[in-house]
């Protein structure tokens, strides 16, 4: 029975690898770190754990629906989707491949890292240093300026390249 359970978990991971983020369709929810775990719950049911990029992310219901649809289409059932806020999502969870896909799509990927993840029960206070302006994903220039704290979504800021004059979103590090 365990081999079957492992095979189902492996299949679920493979199926969910292709579920795109609804706001940035060139990257998957796994590449962004939104897909946290696929496991067996105590009752034996398949459980998919997702974490929002921030607690008010409006795309979470769509992500949960897309996960359920992908599993149903692959005939992987029964299953349930669990959303967790701890540990809080961080841009450190974005894979290197996803960062390159973001850049190619015209979104400057986050720079730097956010440091260690808090352990359950801890509430560390961290201060983000002022990071240099992001590099333009279109021309590679380091001469960029922030136009707005929020871009097309709350997790991105709007920047403009001073050299090529093109606007672009910057995936804010947190």
C-alpha atoms as a PDB file:
ATOM      1  CA  UNK A   1       0.000   0.000   0.000  1.00  0.00           C
ATOM      2  CA  UNK A   2       2.844   2.415   0.782  1.00  0.00           C
ATOM      3  CA  UNK A   3       4.300   2.073  -2.739  1.00  0.00           C
ATOM      4  CA  UNK A   4       0.929   3.060  -4.199  1.00  0.00           C
ATOM      5  CA  UNK A   5       0.697   6.053  -1.859  1.00  0.00           C
ATOM      6  CA  UNK A   6       4.206   7.168  -2.843  1.00  0.00           C
ATOM      7  CA  UNK A   7       3.362   6.774  -6.525  1.00  0.00           C
ATOM      8  CA  UNK A   8       0.247   8.900  -6.073  1.00  0.00           C
ATOM      9  CA  UNK A   9       2.219  11.589  -4.261  1.00  0.00           C
ATOM     10  CA  UNK A  10       4.857  11.557  -6.994  1.00  0.00           C
ATOM     11  CA  UNK A  11       2.181  11.838  -9.697  1.00  0.00           C
ATOM     12  CA  UNK A  12       0.496  14.691  -7.828  1.00  0.00           C
ATOM     13  CA  UNK A  13       3.789  16.616  -7.624  1.00  0.00           C
ATOM     14  CA  UNK A  14       4.306  16.088 -11.369  1.00  0.00           C
ATOM     15  CA  UNK A  15       0.783  17.232 -12.215  1.00  0.00           C
ATOM     16  CA  UNK A  16       1.025  20.302  -9.993  1.00  0.00           C
ATOM     17  CA  UNK A  17       4.409  21.263 -11.472  1.00  0.00           C
ATOM     18  CA  UNK A  18       2.522  22.599 -14.501  1.00  0.00           C
ATOM     19  CA  UNK A  19      -0.120  24.651 -12.656  1.00  0.00           C
ATOM     20  CA  UNK A  20       0.648  28.260 -13.595  1.00  0.00           C
ATOM     21  CA  UNK A  21       0.374  31.221 -11.295  1.00  0.00           C
ATOM     22  CA  UNK A  22      -2.842  32.989 -12.396  1.00  0.00           C
ATOM     23  CA  UNK A  23      -1.219  36.438 -12.253  1.00  0.00           C
ATOM     24  CA  UNK A  24       2.124  35.480 -13.809  1.00  0.00           C
ATOM     25  CA  UNK A  25       1.379  32.548 -16.139  1.00  0.00           C
ATOM     26  CA  UNK A  26       5.009  31.989 -17.217  1.00  0.00           C
ATOM     27  CA  UNK A  27       5.856  30.495 -13.811  1.00  0.00           C
ATOM     28  CA  UNK A  28       4.233  27.654 -11.924  1.00  0.00           C
ATOM     29  CA  UNK A  29       2.962  27.804  -8.373  1.00  0.00           C
ATOM     30  CA  UNK A  30       5.703  25.328  -7.481  1.00  0.00           C
ATOM     31  CA  UNK A  31       8.429  27.539  -8.999  1.00  0.00           C
ATOM     32  CA  UNK A  32       7.107  30.512  -7.012  1.00  0.00           C
ATOM     33  CA  UNK A  33       7.121  28.514  -3.785  1.00  0.00           C
ATOM     34  CA  UNK A  34       3.349  28.783  -3.350  1.00  0.00           C
ATOM     35  CA  UNK A  35       3.003  24.996  -3.547  1.00  0.00           C
ATOM     36  CA  UNK A  36       4.518  23.972  -0.214  1.00  0.00           C
ATOM     37  CA  UNK A  37       3.732  20.286   0.159  1.00  0.00           C
ATOM     38  CA  UNK A  38       1.844  17.308  -1.196  1.00  0.00           C
ATOM     39  CA  UNK A  39       1.354  14.722   1.520  1.00  0.00           C
ATOM     40  CA  UNK A  40      -0.914  12.128   3.041  1.00  0.00           C
ATOM     41  CA  UNK A  41      -3.056  13.400   5.881  1.00  0.00           C
ATOM     42  CA  UNK A  42      -3.683  11.264   8.970  1.00  0.00           C
ATOM     43  CA  UNK A  43      -6.921  10.033   7.369  1.00  0.00           C
ATOM     44  CA  UNK A  44      -5.009   8.902   4.255  1.00  0.00           C
ATOM     45  CA  UNK A  45      -6.419  11.593   1.993  1.00  0.00           C
ATOM     46  CA  UNK A  46      -4.102  13.457  -0.342  1.00  0.00           C
ATOM     47  CA  UNK A  47      -3.454  16.943   1.011  1.00  0.00           C
ATOM     48  CA  UNK A  48      -1.997  19.811  -1.007  1.00  0.00           C
ATOM     49  CA  UNK A  49      -0.549  22.682   1.031  1.00  0.00           C
ATOM     50  CA  UNK A  50      -0.344  26.146  -0.509  1.00  0.00           C
ATOM     51  CA  UNK A  51       0.909  29.427   0.956  1.00  0.00           C
ATOM     52  CA  UNK A  52      -0.070  32.849  -0.402  1.00  0.00           C
ATOM     53  CA  UNK A  53       2.602  35.316  -1.433  1.00  0.00           C
ATOM     54  CA  UNK A  54       0.966  37.646   1.090  1.00  0.00           C
ATOM     55  CA  UNK A  55      -1.980  37.134   3.406  1.00  0.00           C
ATOM     56  CA  UNK A  56      -4.409  39.185   1.317  1.00  0.00           C
ATOM     57  CA  UNK A  57      -3.477  37.672  -2.048  1.00  0.00           C
ATOM     58  CA  UNK A  58      -6.659  37.690  -4.163  1.00  0.00           C
ATOM     59  CA  UNK A  59      -5.385  34.875  -6.382  1.00  0.00           C
ATOM     60  CA  UNK A  60      -5.489  32.161  -3.693  1.00  0.00           C
ATOM     61  CA  UNK A  61      -9.016  31.000  -4.460  1.00  0.00           C
ATOM     62  CA  UNK A  62      -8.098  30.740  -8.148  1.00  0.00           C
ATOM     63  CA  UNK A  63      -4.905  28.834  -7.276  1.00  0.00           C
ATOM     64  CA  UNK A  64      -6.870  26.387  -5.116  1.00  0.00           C
ATOM     65  CA  UNK A  65      -9.398  25.929  -7.935  1.00  0.00           C
ATOM     66  CA  UNK A  66      -6.594  25.355 -10.479  1.00  0.00           C
ATOM     67  CA  UNK A  67      -4.918  22.801  -8.183  1.00  0.00           C
ATOM     68  CA  UNK A  68      -8.200  20.909  -7.740  1.00  0.00           C
ATOM     69  CA  UNK A  69      -8.881  20.988 -11.474  1.00  0.00           C
ATOM     70  CA  UNK A  70      -5.387  19.658 -12.303  1.00  0.00           C
ATOM     71  CA  UNK A  71      -5.714  16.816  -9.789  1.00  0.00           C
ATOM     72  CA  UNK A  72      -9.240  15.968 -10.990  1.00  0.00           C
ATOM     73  CA  UNK A  73      -8.109  15.970 -14.633  1.00  0.00           C
ATOM     74  CA  UNK A  74      -5.307  13.549 -13.684  1.00  0.00           C
ATOM     75  CA  UNK A  75      -7.866  11.422 -11.802  1.00  0.00           C
ATOM     76  CA  UNK A  76      -6.041  11.876  -8.512  1.00  0.00           C
ATOM     77  CA  UNK A  77      -8.726  11.784  -5.842  1.00  0.00           C
ATOM     78  CA  UNK A  78      -9.810  12.213  -3.168  1.00  0.00           C
ATOM     79  CA  UNK A  79      -7.829  15.282  -2.222  1.00  0.00           C
ATOM     80  CA  UNK A  80      -8.104  18.465  -0.221  1.00  0.00           C
ATOM     81  CA  UNK A  81      -6.309  21.776  -0.424  1.00  0.00           C
ATOM     82  CA  UNK A  82      -5.004  23.426   2.714  1.00  0.00           C
ATOM     83  CA  UNK A  83      -3.885  27.054   2.806  1.00  0.00           C
ATOM     84  CA  UNK A  84      -1.336  27.918   5.469  1.00  0.00           C
ATOM     85  CA  UNK A  85       0.119  31.267   6.457  1.00  0.00           C
ATOM     86  CA  UNK A  86       3.019  29.823   8.458  1.00  0.00           C
ATOM     87  CA  UNK A  87       5.756  29.913   7.705  1.00  0.00           C
ATOM     88  CA  UNK A  88       5.052  33.088   5.802  1.00  0.00           C
ATOM     89  CA  UNK A  89       5.956  32.985   2.126  1.00  0.00           C
ATOM     90  CA  UNK A  90       9.181  34.695   1.146  1.00  0.00           C
ATOM     91  CA  UNK A  91      10.705  35.556  -2.213  1.00  0.00           C
ATOM     92  CA  UNK A  92      13.597  33.302  -1.191  1.00  0.00           C
ATOM     93  CA  UNK A  93      11.310  30.409  -2.196  1.00  0.00           C
ATOM     94  CA  UNK A  94      11.268  31.473  -5.863  1.00  0.00           C
ATOM     95  CA  UNK A  95      13.450  29.072  -7.849  1.00  0.00           C
ATOM     96  CA  UNK A  96      16.371  30.253  -9.980  1.00  0.00           C
ATOM     97  CA  UNK A  97      14.538  29.036 -13.092  1.00  0.00           C
ATOM     98  CA  UNK A  98      11.454  31.079 -12.141  1.00  0.00           C
ATOM     99  CA  UNK A  99      13.593  34.190 -11.583  1.00  0.00           C
ATOM    100  CA  UNK A 100      14.928  33.844 -15.118  1.00  0.00           C
ATOM    101  CA  UNK A 101      11.396  33.277 -16.483  1.00  0.00           C
ATOM    102  CA  UNK A 102      10.214  36.428 -14.678  1.00  0.00           C
ATOM    103  CA  UNK A 103      13.066  38.441 -16.189  1.00  0.00           C
ATOM    104  CA  UNK A 104      12.367  37.092 -19.701  1.00  0.00           C
ATOM    105  CA  UNK A 105       8.670  37.951 -19.224  1.00  0.00           C
ATOM    106  CA  UNK A 106       9.575  41.554 -18.371  1.00  0.00           C
ATOM    107  CA  UNK A 107       9.336  41.399 -14.571  1.00  0.00           C
ATOM    108  CA  UNK A 108      12.514  42.137 -12.638  1.00  0.00           C
ATOM    109  CA  UNK A 109      12.979  39.271 -10.172  1.00  0.00           C
ATOM    110  CA  UNK A 110      13.578  40.065  -6.504  1.00  0.00           C
ATOM    111  CA  UNK A 111      17.147  40.741  -5.448  1.00  0.00           C
ATOM    112  CA  UNK A 112      18.874  39.687  -2.261  1.00  0.00           C
ATOM    113  CA  UNK A 113      17.376  37.302   0.248  1.00  0.00           C
ATOM    114  CA  UNK A 114      15.127  37.676   3.221  1.00  0.00           C
ATOM    115  CA  UNK A 115      17.165  35.738   5.757  1.00  0.00           C
ATOM    116  CA  UNK A 116      16.159  32.786   7.924  1.00  0.00           C
ATOM    117  CA  UNK A 117      12.556  31.636   8.128  1.00  0.00           C
ATOM    118  CA  UNK A 118      10.958  31.977  11.570  1.00  0.00           C
ATOM    119  CA  UNK A 119      10.300  28.813  13.518  1.00  0.00           C
ATOM    120  CA  UNK A 120       6.745  28.109  14.740  1.00  0.00           C
ATOM    121  CA  UNK A 121       5.931  30.362  17.680  1.00  0.00           C
ATOM    122  CA  UNK A 122       8.605  32.929  16.804  1.00  0.00           C
ATOM    123  CA  UNK A 123       7.774  36.406  15.590  1.00  0.00           C
ATOM    124  CA  UNK A 124      11.093  37.961  14.621  1.00  0.00           C
ATOM    125  CA  UNK A 125      11.276  41.581  13.627  1.00  0.00           C
ATOM    126  CA  UNK A 126      13.464  42.154  10.611  1.00  0.00           C
ATOM    127  CA  UNK A 127      14.344  45.347   8.878  1.00  0.00           C
ATOM    128  CA  UNK A 128      14.875  45.281   5.159  1.00  0.00           C
ATOM    129  CA  UNK A 129      17.929  47.252   4.106  1.00  0.00           C
ATOM    130  CA  UNK A 130      17.463  49.706   1.288  1.00  0.00           C
ATOM    131  CA  UNK A 131      18.225  47.603  -1.731  1.00  0.00           C
ATOM    132  CA  UNK A 132      19.644  48.996  -4.959  1.00  0.00           C
ATOM    133  CA  UNK A 133      17.146  49.635  -7.723  1.00  0.00           C
ATOM    134  CA  UNK A 134      16.470  46.528  -9.817  1.00  0.00           C
ATOM    135  CA  UNK A 135      18.095  45.904 -13.167  1.00  0.00           C
ATOM    136  CA  UNK A 136      15.872  46.516 -16.197  1.00  0.00           C
ATOM    137  CA  UNK A 137      14.644  43.124 -17.446  1.00  0.00           C
ATOM    138  CA  UNK A 138      14.495  44.452 -21.010  1.00  0.00           C
ATOM    139  CA  UNK A 139      17.899  46.099 -21.601  1.00  0.00           C
ATOM    140  CA  UNK A 140      19.882  45.138 -18.470  1.00  0.00           C
ATOM    141  CA  UNK A 141      20.501  48.725 -17.380  1.00  0.00           C
ATOM    142  CA  UNK A 142      21.102  49.433 -13.697  1.00  0.00           C
ATOM    143  CA  UNK A 143      19.683  52.945 -14.150  1.00  0.00           C
ATOM    144  CA  UNK A 144      16.091  52.468 -13.022  1.00  0.00           C
ATOM    145  CA  UNK A 145      13.641  54.401 -10.902  1.00  0.00           C
ATOM    146  CA  UNK A 146      10.565  53.472  -8.900  1.00  0.00           C
ATOM    147  CA  UNK A 147       7.355  55.032 -10.170  1.00  0.00           C
ATOM    148  CA  UNK A 148       4.940  53.425  -7.711  1.00  0.00           C
ATOM    149  CA  UNK A 149       5.165  51.169  -4.659  1.00  0.00           C
ATOM    150  CA  UNK A 150       2.523  48.909  -6.191  1.00  0.00           C
ATOM    151  CA  UNK A 151       2.553  47.596  -9.750  1.00  0.00           C
ATOM    152  CA  UNK A 152       0.101  45.333 -11.534  1.00  0.00           C
ATOM    153  CA  UNK A 153      -0.308  43.388  -8.268  1.00  0.00           C
ATOM    154  CA  UNK A 154       0.433  44.285  -4.659  1.00  0.00           C
ATOM    155  CA  UNK A 155       3.495  42.014  -4.584  1.00  0.00           C
ATOM    156  CA  UNK A 156       5.161  44.010  -7.351  1.00  0.00           C
ATOM    157  CA  UNK A 157       6.345  47.632  -7.629  1.00  0.00           C
ATOM    158  CA  UNK A 158       6.305  49.693 -10.828  1.00  0.00           C
ATOM    159  CA  UNK A 159       9.698  50.824 -12.122  1.00  0.00           C
ATOM    160  CA  UNK A 160      10.977  52.510 -15.260  1.00  0.00           C
ATOM    161  CA  UNK A 161      14.324  52.158 -16.956  1.00  0.00           C
ATOM    162  CA  UNK A 162      16.010  55.538 -17.347  1.00  0.00           C
ATOM    163  CA  UNK A 163      18.036  54.320 -20.350  1.00  0.00           C
ATOM    164  CA  UNK A 164      15.430  52.526 -22.505  1.00  0.00           C
ATOM    165  CA  UNK A 165      12.464  54.364 -20.872  1.00  0.00           C
ATOM    166  CA  UNK A 166      10.439  51.146 -20.643  1.00  0.00           C
ATOM    167  CA  UNK A 167       8.260  50.557 -17.559  1.00  0.00           C
ATOM    168  CA  UNK A 168       8.464  47.205 -15.790  1.00  0.00           C
ATOM    169  CA  UNK A 169       7.206  45.422 -12.704  1.00  0.00           C
ATOM    170  CA  UNK A 170       9.656  44.486  -9.954  1.00  0.00           C
ATOM    171  CA  UNK A 171       8.768  41.487  -7.784  1.00  0.00           C
ATOM    172  CA  UNK A 172       9.347  42.989  -4.322  1.00  0.00           C
ATOM    173  CA  UNK A 173      11.567  40.953  -1.987  1.00  0.00           C
ATOM    174  CA  UNK A 174       9.955  39.939   1.308  1.00  0.00           C
END
